[in-house]
Amino acid sequence: MDPIEIMKRPAPYASGHENAPAAAQLRAKRLCWEYNRTAPDEAERRGEILRELLGTCDPLTFIEPDFRCDYGFNIHTHGLTIVNYNCVMLDTSPIDIGAGAQIGEYFFIDHATGVVIGETTTIGNHVKVYQGVTLGALSTRAGQALSGVKRHPTIEDDVTIYSNASVLGGETVIGEGSIIAGSAFVISSVPAGSRVSLKNQEVNVRTPNKDHAKCWEI
């Protein structure tokens, strides 16, 4: 399968350097270079570049320079999206940003497999997220009655959220400087400076003997 088609799938994958689509990355670097050198009054030109760069670019997508990404085609905005200065998105896998998301300065996504940013999420400055992170809404029966209501979390400045963590709910606030461990499930606010981790995780290691080294069953 074509490497770019593999990258567009919302699933983990492994790729050697020899399979990297160098031409696509060079294209993104050129477009980011052009974008970051536009004058303050060239909003129309910035919109043209974003529509060429991103996989899906809603007309109400506003990204302040400097902006950098790996490929661009794996970044999708779905409504009003505001991204502040010096954002980096390493889009080796799809990134979906919902309508109404507000993202602060120096936002960084490292290896974007499965990253979801809900439409009313608010993200502060210097925030880092890793693969598989979901900033989403809690399940509710209110349906369309919640239109216009903040349903997704607020992430304050200098927060790091590690892989496969879920932070859910419109009333959930992750305080400044907090760290959320991988695979954590957070549905309530945590104060500034918190360290959220999982308890009683257990790793089992079974060592094969010589006769059965190649005959494992899980």
Protein backbone atom coordinates (compact mmCIF):
# COMPACT_ATOMS: atom_id res chain seq x y z
CA MET A 1 0.00 0.00 0.00
CA ASP A 2 1.12 3.55 -0.70
CA PRO A 3 2.87 5.04 2.40
CA ILE A 4 0.70 8.16 2.32
CA GLU A 5 -2.48 6.08 2.34
CA ILE A 6 -1.14 4.16 5.35
CA MET A 7 -0.42 7.44 7.14
CA LYS A 8 -3.95 8.68 6.54
CA ARG A 9 -5.50 5.74 8.39
CA PRO A 10 -6.43 6.33 12.07
CA ALA A 11 -4.35 3.38 13.26
CA PRO A 12 -0.81 2.81 14.55
CA TYR A 13 1.77 1.75 12.01
CA ALA A 14 5.52 1.24 11.71
CA SER A 15 7.50 2.77 8.88
CA GLY A 16 11.16 2.72 8.03
CA HIS A 17 12.99 5.82 6.89
CA GLU A 18 13.14 4.43 3.37
CA ASN A 19 9.31 4.55 3.17
CA ALA A 20 8.93 8.16 4.29
CA PRO A 21 7.24 10.30 1.61
CA ALA A 22 10.07 12.84 1.29
CA ALA A 23 8.38 14.84 -1.45
CA ALA A 24 5.26 15.32 0.69
CA GLN A 25 7.33 16.50 3.62
CA LEU A 26 9.30 18.90 1.43
CA ARG A 27 5.99 20.29 0.14
CA ALA A 28 4.82 20.92 3.71
CA LYS A 29 8.10 22.60 4.63
CA ARG A 30 7.82 24.90 1.63
CA LEU A 31 4.22 25.84 2.40
CA CYS A 32 5.00 26.42 6.09
CA TRP A 33 7.98 28.57 5.07
CA GLU A 34 5.72 30.68 2.84
CA TYR A 35 3.03 30.88 5.50
CA ASN A 36 5.41 32.05 8.21
CA ARG A 37 6.73 34.83 6.01
CA THR A 38 3.43 36.44 5.17
CA ALA A 39 2.89 40.03 6.29
CA PRO A 40 0.39 40.77 9.08
CA ASP A 41 -2.12 42.17 6.57
CA GLU A 42 -1.96 39.12 4.24
CA ALA A 43 -4.75 37.14 5.88
CA GLU A 44 -6.20 36.13 2.51
CA ARG A 45 -2.87 34.68 1.38
CA ARG A 46 -2.50 32.75 4.63
CA GLY A 47 -5.95 31.26 4.06
CA GLU A 48 -4.93 30.14 0.57
CA ILE A 49 -1.81 28.44 1.90
CA LEU A 50 -3.72 26.67 4.67
CA ARG A 51 -6.27 25.33 2.21
CA GLU A 52 -3.41 23.94 0.12
CA LEU A 53 -1.50 22.58 3.13
CA LEU A 54 -4.15 20.98 5.34
CA GLY A 55 -6.15 17.87 4.58
CA THR A 56 -9.37 19.62 5.62
CA CYS A 57 -9.40 23.35 6.24
CA ASP A 58 -12.59 25.02 7.38
CA PRO A 59 -12.85 28.64 6.17
CA LEU A 60 -12.92 29.70 9.83
CA THR A 61 -9.45 28.29 10.56
CA PHE A 62 -7.07 30.89 11.97
CA ILE A 63 -3.49 29.86 12.73
CA GLU A 64 -0.99 32.50 13.79
CA PRO A 65 2.56 32.18 12.44
CA ASP A 66 4.91 30.53 13.14
CA PHE A 67 3.29 27.20 12.34
CA ARG A 68 5.03 23.93 11.47
CA CYS A 69 3.88 20.43 10.60
CA ASP A 70 5.31 17.26 9.06
CA TYR A 71 2.92 16.82 6.15
CA GLY A 72 -0.23 18.90 6.55
CA PHE A 73 -2.56 16.47 4.76
CA ASN A 74 -3.25 14.69 8.06
CA ILE A 75 -4.51 17.83 9.83
CA HIS A 76 -8.27 18.43 9.69
CA THR A 77 -10.23 21.37 11.08
CA HIS A 78 -14.02 21.15 11.29
CA GLY A 79 -15.26 24.65 12.05
CA LEU A 80 -14.02 27.72 13.86
CA THR A 81 -10.47 26.88 14.93
CA ILE A 82 -8.12 29.36 16.58
CA VAL A 83 -4.45 28.40 16.99
CA ASN A 84 -1.99 30.85 18.51
CA TYR A 85 1.69 31.45 17.75
CA ASN A 86 4.47 28.83 17.39
CA CYS A 87 2.37 25.68 17.08
CA VAL A 88 3.96 22.38 15.99
CA MET A 89 1.87 19.40 14.82
CA LEU A 90 3.78 16.24 13.85
CA ASP A 91 1.02 14.78 11.70
CA THR A 92 2.42 11.39 10.79
CA SER A 93 -1.14 10.25 11.55
CA PRO A 94 -4.50 12.09 11.42
CA ILE A 95 -5.26 15.03 13.73
CA ASP A 96 -8.89 16.12 14.06
CA ILE A 97 -9.66 19.52 15.57
CA GLY A 98 -13.33 20.18 16.28
CA ALA A 99 -15.20 23.41 15.65
CA GLY A 100 -14.66 26.06 18.30
CA ALA A 101 -11.34 24.73 19.61
CA GLN A 102 -8.98 27.39 20.95
CA ILE A 103 -5.28 26.53 21.14
CA GLY A 104 -2.60 28.67 22.80
CA GLU A 105 1.01 29.44 21.92
CA TYR A 106 3.71 26.77 21.52
CA PHE A 107 1.23 23.90 21.33
CA PHE A 108 3.02 20.64 20.45
CA ILE A 109 1.63 17.30 19.24
CA ASP A 110 4.19 14.49 19.15
CA HIS A 111 3.27 11.60 16.84
CA ALA A 112 -0.37 12.25 16.18
CA THR A 113 -1.90 8.77 15.96
CA GLY A 114 -5.43 8.99 17.33
CA VAL A 115 -5.25 12.55 18.72
CA VAL A 116 -8.73 14.07 19.05
CA ILE A 117 -9.39 17.66 20.15
CA GLY A 118 -13.08 18.25 20.84
CA GLU A 119 -14.87 21.24 19.42
CA THR A 120 -15.15 23.34 22.59
CA THR A 121 -11.72 22.44 23.99
CA THR A 122 -9.60 25.30 25.30
CA ILE A 123 -5.83 24.73 25.36
CA GLY A 124 -3.38 27.10 27.02
CA ASN A 125 0.23 27.92 26.17
CA HIS A 126 3.16 25.48 26.08
CA VAL A 127 0.93 22.39 26.16
CA LYS A 128 2.25 19.03 24.89
CA VAL A 129 0.16 15.99 23.98
CA TYR A 130 1.20 12.58 22.74
CA GLN A 131 -0.36 9.89 20.57
CA GLY A 132 -3.82 8.59 21.35
CA VAL A 133 -4.87 11.52 23.54
CA THR A 134 -8.57 12.40 23.55
CA LEU A 135 -9.82 15.77 24.78
CA GLY A 136 -13.49 14.95 24.56
CA ALA A 137 -17.01 15.16 25.94
CA LEU A 138 -18.79 12.96 28.45
CA SER A 139 -21.68 10.89 27.15
CA THR A 140 -25.01 12.59 27.74
CA ARG A 141 -28.65 12.21 26.80
CA ALA A 142 -29.20 15.91 26.27
CA GLY A 143 -28.29 15.70 22.58
CA GLN A 144 -28.93 18.85 20.55
CA ALA A 145 -29.98 20.70 23.71
CA LEU A 146 -26.25 21.04 24.44
CA SER A 147 -25.59 22.96 21.24
CA GLY A 148 -23.46 25.97 22.15
CA VAL A 149 -22.60 24.58 25.60
CA LYS A 150 -18.96 23.91 26.47
CA ARG A 151 -18.69 20.10 26.53
CA HIS A 152 -14.93 19.60 26.27
CA PRO A 153 -12.13 20.24 28.77
CA THR A 154 -9.92 23.22 29.50
CA ILE A 155 -6.18 22.56 29.53
CA GLU A 156 -4.21 25.31 31.23
CA ASP A 157 -0.63 26.41 30.50
CA ASP A 158 2.41 24.09 30.65
CA VAL A 159 0.43 20.84 30.83
CA THR A 160 1.78 17.55 29.44
CA ILE A 161 -0.61 14.73 28.55
CA TYR A 162 1.00 11.41 27.73
CA SER A 163 -0.14 8.74 25.28
CA ASN A 164 -3.64 7.26 25.29
CA ALA A 165 -4.93 9.47 28.10
CA SER A 166 -8.53 10.71 27.99
CA VAL A 167 -9.61 14.02 29.51
CA LEU A 168 -13.37 14.46 29.25
CA GLY A 169 -16.08 16.95 30.14
CA GLY A 170 -16.82 20.64 29.79
CA GLU A 171 -16.34 21.31 33.50
CA THR A 172 -12.99 19.52 33.62
CA VAL A 173 -10.01 21.85 34.06
CA ILE A 174 -6.45 20.56 34.08
CA GLY A 175 -4.50 23.03 36.19
CA GLU A 176 -1.34 24.78 35.07
CA GLY A 177 1.83 22.70 35.07
CA SER A 178 0.08 19.36 35.57
CA ILE A 179 1.21 16.05 34.08
CA ILE A 180 -1.31 13.39 33.01
CA ALA A 181 0.13 9.88 32.78
CA GLY A 182 -0.40 7.61 29.81
CA SER A 183 -3.75 5.77 29.68
CA ALA A 184 -5.24 7.90 32.49
CA PHE A 185 -8.99 8.56 32.39
CA VAL A 186 -9.79 12.00 33.81
CA ILE A 187 -13.37 13.29 34.18
CA SER A 188 -12.92 15.87 36.95
CA SER A 189 -10.71 18.90 37.47
CA VAL A 190 -7.23 18.68 38.95
CA PRO A 191 -5.41 21.61 40.61
CA ALA A 192 -2.26 23.27 39.27
CA GLY A 193 0.92 21.27 39.58
CA SER A 194 -0.83 17.90 39.84
CA ARG A 195 0.62 14.55 38.78
CA VAL A 196 -2.13 12.21 37.63
CA SER A 197 -1.11 8.56 37.36
CA LEU A 198 -2.60 5.08 37.39
CA LYS A 199 -2.40 2.90 40.51
CA ASN A 200 -1.56 -0.78 40.79
CA GLN A 201 -0.52 -1.30 37.20
CA GLU A 202 0.97 -4.74 36.82
CA VAL A 203 3.30 -6.06 34.14
CA ASN A 204 3.62 -9.82 33.80
CA VAL A 205 6.75 -11.23 32.13
CA ARG A 206 6.89 -14.89 31.19
CA THR A 207 10.24 -16.30 30.13
CA PRO A 208 10.06 -19.15 27.59
CA ASN A 209 12.11 -22.26 28.07
CA LYS A 210 14.19 -23.68 25.25
CA ASP A 211 11.57 -26.22 24.18
CA HIS A 212 8.71 -23.73 23.89
CA ALA A 213 10.45 -20.49 22.93
CA LYS A 214 8.49 -20.21 19.68
CA CYS A 215 5.16 -21.60 20.83
CA TRP A 216 3.59 -18.78 22.83
CA GLU A 217 -0.13 -18.33 23.20
CA ILE A 218 -1.69 -15.24 24.83
